[in-house]
Amino acid sequence: MVNVEEFAKRLKIIIDYYEISASLLAEKMEIQRSSISHILSGRNKPSLEFVLKILKTFPEVELYWLLNGIGEFPKQTITNNKYTPLSLTDGGSTQTKKLGTESVTDAKKEDEIERIVIFYKNGTFKNFIS
């Protein structure tokens, strides 16, 4: 469960980091100013939509840091990837391949990988951004 007071503190950190007002934050996120005000005051809990808009608007914000204070802000991006991306393409066609109990749909050759997220059973994840 997200601690509303702690979430509001982290939201204030984001506002201070970008040197913007709550009004400008609301404008950038394309939400009503009252939504920011209610969350900062502790009146309302942040919705999933609100959290996703923060992550979309400010890519330096890490999800676990925002929700639980775990991790860093601004998040560190991996600049020297030490893995070889798995290619599932076969000349531009799209098809589905079975991997264990899950299926993966192949991308076209011109598609680029934007992000890979690995979710672990203990609730943690790793986020790799290209």
Protein backbone atom coordinates (compact mmCIF):
# COMPACT_ATOMS: atom_id res chain seq x y z
CA MET A 1 0.00 0.00 0.00
CA VAL A 2 1.29 3.44 -0.90
CA ASN A 3 1.82 5.83 2.01
CA VAL A 4 0.02 8.98 0.83
CA GLU A 5 2.12 11.36 2.94
CA GLU A 6 5.39 9.88 1.68
CA PHE A 7 4.09 9.90 -1.90
CA ALA A 8 3.27 13.60 -1.53
CA LYS A 9 6.82 14.26 -0.28
CA ARG A 10 8.28 12.49 -3.32
CA LEU A 11 5.94 14.44 -5.61
CA LYS A 12 7.23 17.64 -4.00
CA ILE A 13 10.81 16.44 -4.65
CA ILE A 14 9.92 16.05 -8.36
CA ILE A 15 8.44 19.56 -8.44
CA ASP A 16 11.56 21.00 -6.78
CA TYR A 17 13.93 19.01 -9.00
CA TYR A 18 12.36 20.34 -12.21
CA GLU A 19 11.92 23.79 -10.65
CA ILE A 20 8.27 23.99 -11.65
CA SER A 21 5.09 24.93 -9.83
CA ALA A 22 2.27 22.53 -9.02
CA SER A 23 0.22 24.32 -11.69
CA LEU A 24 2.88 23.75 -14.33
CA LEU A 25 3.19 20.10 -13.25
CA ALA A 26 -0.56 19.67 -13.76
CA GLU A 27 -0.30 21.34 -17.17
CA LYS A 28 2.58 19.10 -18.26
CA MET A 29 0.70 16.00 -17.07
CA GLU A 30 -2.52 17.25 -18.71
CA ILE A 31 -4.56 16.97 -15.52
CA GLN A 32 -6.50 19.40 -13.36
CA ARG A 33 -4.53 21.55 -10.90
CA SER A 34 -6.82 20.43 -8.10
CA SER A 35 -5.60 16.84 -8.56
CA ILE A 36 -2.05 17.89 -7.69
CA SER A 37 -3.26 20.03 -4.80
CA HIS A 38 -5.36 17.21 -3.32
CA ILE A 39 -2.50 14.72 -3.50
CA LEU A 40 0.03 17.16 -2.04
CA SER A 41 -2.33 17.93 0.85
CA GLY A 42 -2.98 14.23 1.51
CA ARG A 43 -6.69 14.56 0.75
CA ASN A 44 -6.61 12.11 -2.17
CA LYS A 45 -4.58 9.03 -2.97
CA PRO A 46 -2.83 8.94 -6.34
CA SER A 47 -4.62 6.88 -8.96
CA LEU A 48 -2.85 4.46 -11.28
CA GLU A 49 -3.55 6.89 -14.12
CA PHE A 50 -1.88 9.69 -12.15
CA VAL A 51 1.22 7.57 -11.46
CA LEU A 52 1.48 6.51 -15.11
CA LYS A 53 1.21 10.12 -16.27
CA ILE A 54 4.09 11.10 -13.97
CA LEU A 55 6.24 8.29 -15.40
CA LYS A 56 5.33 9.27 -18.96
CA THR A 57 5.91 12.99 -18.40
CA PHE A 58 9.14 12.59 -16.42
CA PRO A 59 11.15 9.56 -17.61
CA GLU A 60 13.78 10.17 -14.91
CA VAL A 61 11.26 9.13 -12.25
CA GLU A 62 11.60 5.51 -11.17
CA LEU A 63 8.35 3.68 -10.38
CA TYR A 64 9.46 2.00 -7.14
CA TRP A 65 11.00 5.22 -5.90
CA LEU A 66 7.79 7.12 -6.60
CA LEU A 67 5.54 4.55 -4.92
CA ASN A 68 7.71 3.27 -2.08
CA GLY A 69 10.82 5.43 -1.83
CA ILE A 70 12.95 2.47 -2.98
CA GLY A 71 15.53 3.27 -5.63
CA GLU A 72 16.87 6.57 -6.85
CA PHE A 73 15.67 9.84 -8.25
CA PRO A 74 16.62 10.77 -10.85
CA LYS A 75 17.02 7.21 -12.02
CA GLN A 76 20.28 6.09 -13.53
CA THR A 77 20.07 4.83 -17.10
CA ILE A 78 22.20 1.98 -18.32
CA THR A 79 24.61 3.46 -20.84
CA ASN A 80 26.81 0.42 -21.44
CA ASN A 81 24.53 -2.58 -21.81
CA LYS A 82 26.33 -5.84 -21.16
CA TYR A 83 23.74 -8.07 -22.75
CA THR A 84 22.97 -9.09 -26.29
CA PRO A 85 19.38 -8.36 -27.27
CA LEU A 86 17.36 -11.39 -28.34
CA SER A 87 16.14 -10.97 -31.91
CA LEU A 88 12.75 -12.53 -32.58
CA THR A 89 12.37 -11.17 -36.10
CA ASP A 90 12.45 -13.30 -39.21
CA GLY A 91 12.80 -10.93 -42.14
CA GLY A 92 10.05 -8.49 -41.27
CA SER A 93 7.09 -10.81 -40.80
CA THR A 94 5.08 -10.99 -37.62
CA GLN A 95 4.45 -14.30 -35.92
CA THR A 96 4.01 -15.70 -32.43
CA LYS A 97 6.54 -18.00 -30.79
CA LYS A 98 5.92 -20.04 -27.67
CA LEU A 99 8.39 -19.52 -24.83
CA GLY A 100 7.46 -21.72 -21.88
CA THR A 101 3.88 -20.81 -20.98
CA GLU A 102 3.99 -17.37 -22.60
CA SER A 103 3.90 -16.28 -26.21
CA VAL A 104 5.94 -13.50 -27.75
CA THR A 105 4.89 -11.71 -30.93
CA ASP A 106 7.74 -10.91 -33.29
CA ALA A 107 8.34 -7.30 -34.21
CA LYS A 108 9.08 -6.00 -37.69
CA LYS A 109 12.71 -5.28 -38.52
CA GLU A 110 12.18 -1.53 -38.48
CA ASP A 111 10.76 -1.65 -34.94
CA GLU A 112 13.25 -0.72 -32.23
CA ILE A 113 13.21 -1.87 -28.64
CA GLU A 114 12.49 1.07 -26.38
CA ARG A 115 12.51 -0.67 -23.03
CA ILE A 116 12.78 -4.13 -21.50
CA VAL A 117 11.27 -4.77 -18.09
CA ILE A 118 12.01 -7.96 -16.16
CA PHE A 119 9.54 -8.75 -13.36
CA TYR A 120 10.60 -11.05 -10.52
CA LYS A 121 8.28 -13.18 -8.40
CA ASN A 122 9.26 -11.23 -5.26
CA GLY A 123 7.60 -8.10 -6.70
CA THR A 124 10.79 -6.34 -7.82
CA PHE A 125 11.75 -5.55 -11.38
CA LYS A 126 14.61 -4.29 -13.53
CA ASN A 127 14.06 -1.67 -16.18
CA PHE A 128 16.46 -1.50 -19.15
CA ILE A 129 16.08 1.54 -21.40
CA SER A 130 17.83 1.77 -24.74
